[in-house]
Protein backbone atom coordinates (compact mmCIF):
# COMPACT_ATOMS: atom_id res chain seq x y z
CA MET A 1 -10.38 3.85 4.00
CA ILE A 2 -11.02 0.44 2.17
CA GLU A 3 -13.52 0.06 -0.70
CA ARG A 4 -15.92 -2.52 0.35
CA HIS A 5 -16.89 -3.55 -3.60
CA ALA A 6 -12.57 -4.60 -3.62
CA ILE A 7 -13.05 -7.12 -0.86
CA ASP A 8 -16.32 -8.43 -1.90
CA ARG A 9 -15.03 -9.06 -5.49
CA ILE A 10 -11.81 -11.06 -3.84
CA ALA A 11 -14.61 -12.96 -1.62
CA GLY A 12 -16.57 -13.70 -4.72
CA VAL A 13 -13.57 -15.54 -6.11
CA GLY A 14 -12.04 -17.13 -3.15
CA GLY A 15 -14.08 -16.68 -0.24
CA SER A 16 -13.00 -15.39 2.91
CA GLU A 17 -10.11 -17.54 2.93
CA LEU A 18 -8.63 -15.74 -0.05
CA VAL A 19 -9.36 -12.36 1.50
CA VAL A 20 -7.79 -13.10 4.53
CA LYS A 21 -4.67 -14.66 2.49
CA MET A 22 -4.52 -11.47 0.55
CA ILE A 23 -4.51 -9.23 3.58
CA ASP A 24 -1.93 -11.10 5.43
CA LEU A 25 0.30 -10.33 2.30
CA PHE A 26 -0.52 -6.80 2.49
CA LEU A 27 0.15 -6.56 6.21
CA GLN A 28 3.43 -8.45 5.67
CA ASN A 29 4.73 -6.68 2.43
CA ALA A 30 3.40 -3.02 2.83
CA PRO A 31 5.46 -2.06 5.73
CA LEU A 32 8.67 -3.78 3.95
CA ARG A 33 7.89 -1.63 0.86
CA LEU A 34 7.10 1.67 2.76
CA ALA A 35 10.60 1.02 4.45
CA ALA A 36 12.15 0.43 1.06
CA ALA A 37 10.96 3.70 -0.22
CA ASN A 38 11.90 5.33 2.89
CA GLN A 39 15.51 4.23 2.70
CA GLY A 40 15.79 4.79 -1.01
CA GLN A 41 14.65 8.42 -0.35
CA ARG A 42 17.40 8.82 2.33
CA ASP A 43 19.96 7.34 -0.12
CA GLY A 44 18.90 9.56 -2.60
CA ASP A 45 17.97 6.56 -4.98
CA LEU A 46 14.90 7.43 -6.68
CA LYS A 47 14.72 4.09 -8.64
CA ALA A 48 14.34 2.15 -5.37
CA VAL A 49 11.65 4.77 -4.32
CA GLU A 50 9.89 4.37 -7.35
CA HIS A 51 10.02 0.61 -7.35
CA ALA A 52 8.91 0.31 -3.96
CA ALA A 53 6.19 2.71 -4.49
CA HIS A 54 4.98 0.82 -7.66
CA SER A 55 4.69 -2.58 -5.68
CA LEU A 56 2.68 -1.10 -2.80
CA ARG A 57 0.38 0.67 -5.36
CA SER A 58 -0.45 -2.54 -6.98
CA SER A 59 -1.09 -4.66 -3.77
CA SER A 60 -3.20 -1.93 -2.32
CA GLY A 61 -5.38 -1.44 -5.30
CA ASN A 62 -6.18 -4.94 -5.11
CA LEU A 63 -7.45 -4.69 -1.49
CA GLY A 64 -9.42 -1.31 -2.06
CA ALA A 65 -6.95 0.82 -0.21
CA GLN A 66 -7.78 3.75 -2.54
CA ARG A 67 -5.73 6.66 -0.49
CA VAL A 68 -2.77 4.37 -0.36
CA GLN A 69 -3.12 3.42 -3.93
CA GLU A 70 -3.17 6.98 -4.84
CA LEU A 71 -0.46 8.28 -2.68
CA ALA A 72 1.86 5.41 -3.89
CA ALA A 73 1.08 6.37 -7.40
CA LEU A 74 2.18 10.03 -6.53
CA VAL A 75 5.28 8.73 -5.00
CA GLU A 76 5.90 6.75 -8.11
CA GLU A 77 5.36 9.63 -10.57
CA LEU A 78 7.64 11.91 -8.44
CA ALA A 79 10.29 9.62 -7.94
CA GLY A 80 10.30 8.74 -11.80
CA ALA A 81 10.25 12.53 -12.37
CA GLY A 82 13.54 12.99 -10.33
CA ARG A 83 11.51 14.86 -7.98
CA ALA A 84 13.43 14.03 -4.63
CA ASP A 85 12.36 17.30 -2.81
CA ALA A 86 8.81 16.38 -3.16
CA VAL A 87 9.29 12.73 -2.49
CA GLY A 88 9.51 13.08 0.95
CA VAL A 89 6.39 14.93 1.61
CA ALA A 90 4.39 12.62 -0.32
CA LEU A 91 6.20 9.64 1.44
CA ALA A 92 4.83 11.13 4.83
CA GLY A 93 1.32 11.25 3.45
CA LEU A 94 1.93 7.58 2.19
CA GLU A 95 3.05 6.34 5.64
CA ASP A 96 -0.10 7.86 7.14
CA ALA A 97 -2.34 6.28 4.65
CA VAL A 98 -0.66 2.83 5.14
CA THR A 99 -1.04 2.71 8.91
CA THR A 100 -4.89 3.58 8.18
CA ALA A 101 -5.03 0.94 5.96
CA ILE A 102 -3.51 -1.58 8.03
CA ALA A 103 -5.77 -0.96 10.68
CA ALA A 104 -9.03 -1.38 8.59
CA LEU A 105 -7.61 -4.41 7.08
CA THR A 106 -6.68 -6.07 10.43
CA ALA A 107 -10.14 -5.26 11.43
CA GLU A 108 -11.64 -7.03 8.32
CA LYS A 109 -9.29 -9.69 8.88
CA GLU A 110 -10.34 -10.25 12.38
CA ALA A 111 -13.95 -9.88 11.51
CA ARG A 112 -13.63 -12.95 8.95
CA THR A 113 -11.63 -15.18 11.14
CA ARG A 114 -14.14 -15.14 14.11
């Protein structure tokens, strides 16, 4: 799910306010990046898939969403290698991981804004 040390590191730098801001950015951008990757896959535009996965990998790593980071890296690698056949399967796993991360980060945000 979410690695506590990543959240704690952010909180150590900017407190709960920064954690909530970073979570909000992920909650806004992750679905957009995932949609862009899926659209790129449907269009046969592996560069778009690679770019969207790269952005998702970076943002998820900052928040400790390790599974999202791992799968986004895989999608990025597959797209960069021109493996269109494998990208779709990897994207399905990434979508599940993003859904799980969104739920966990939403709960973290709610706990910090009570």
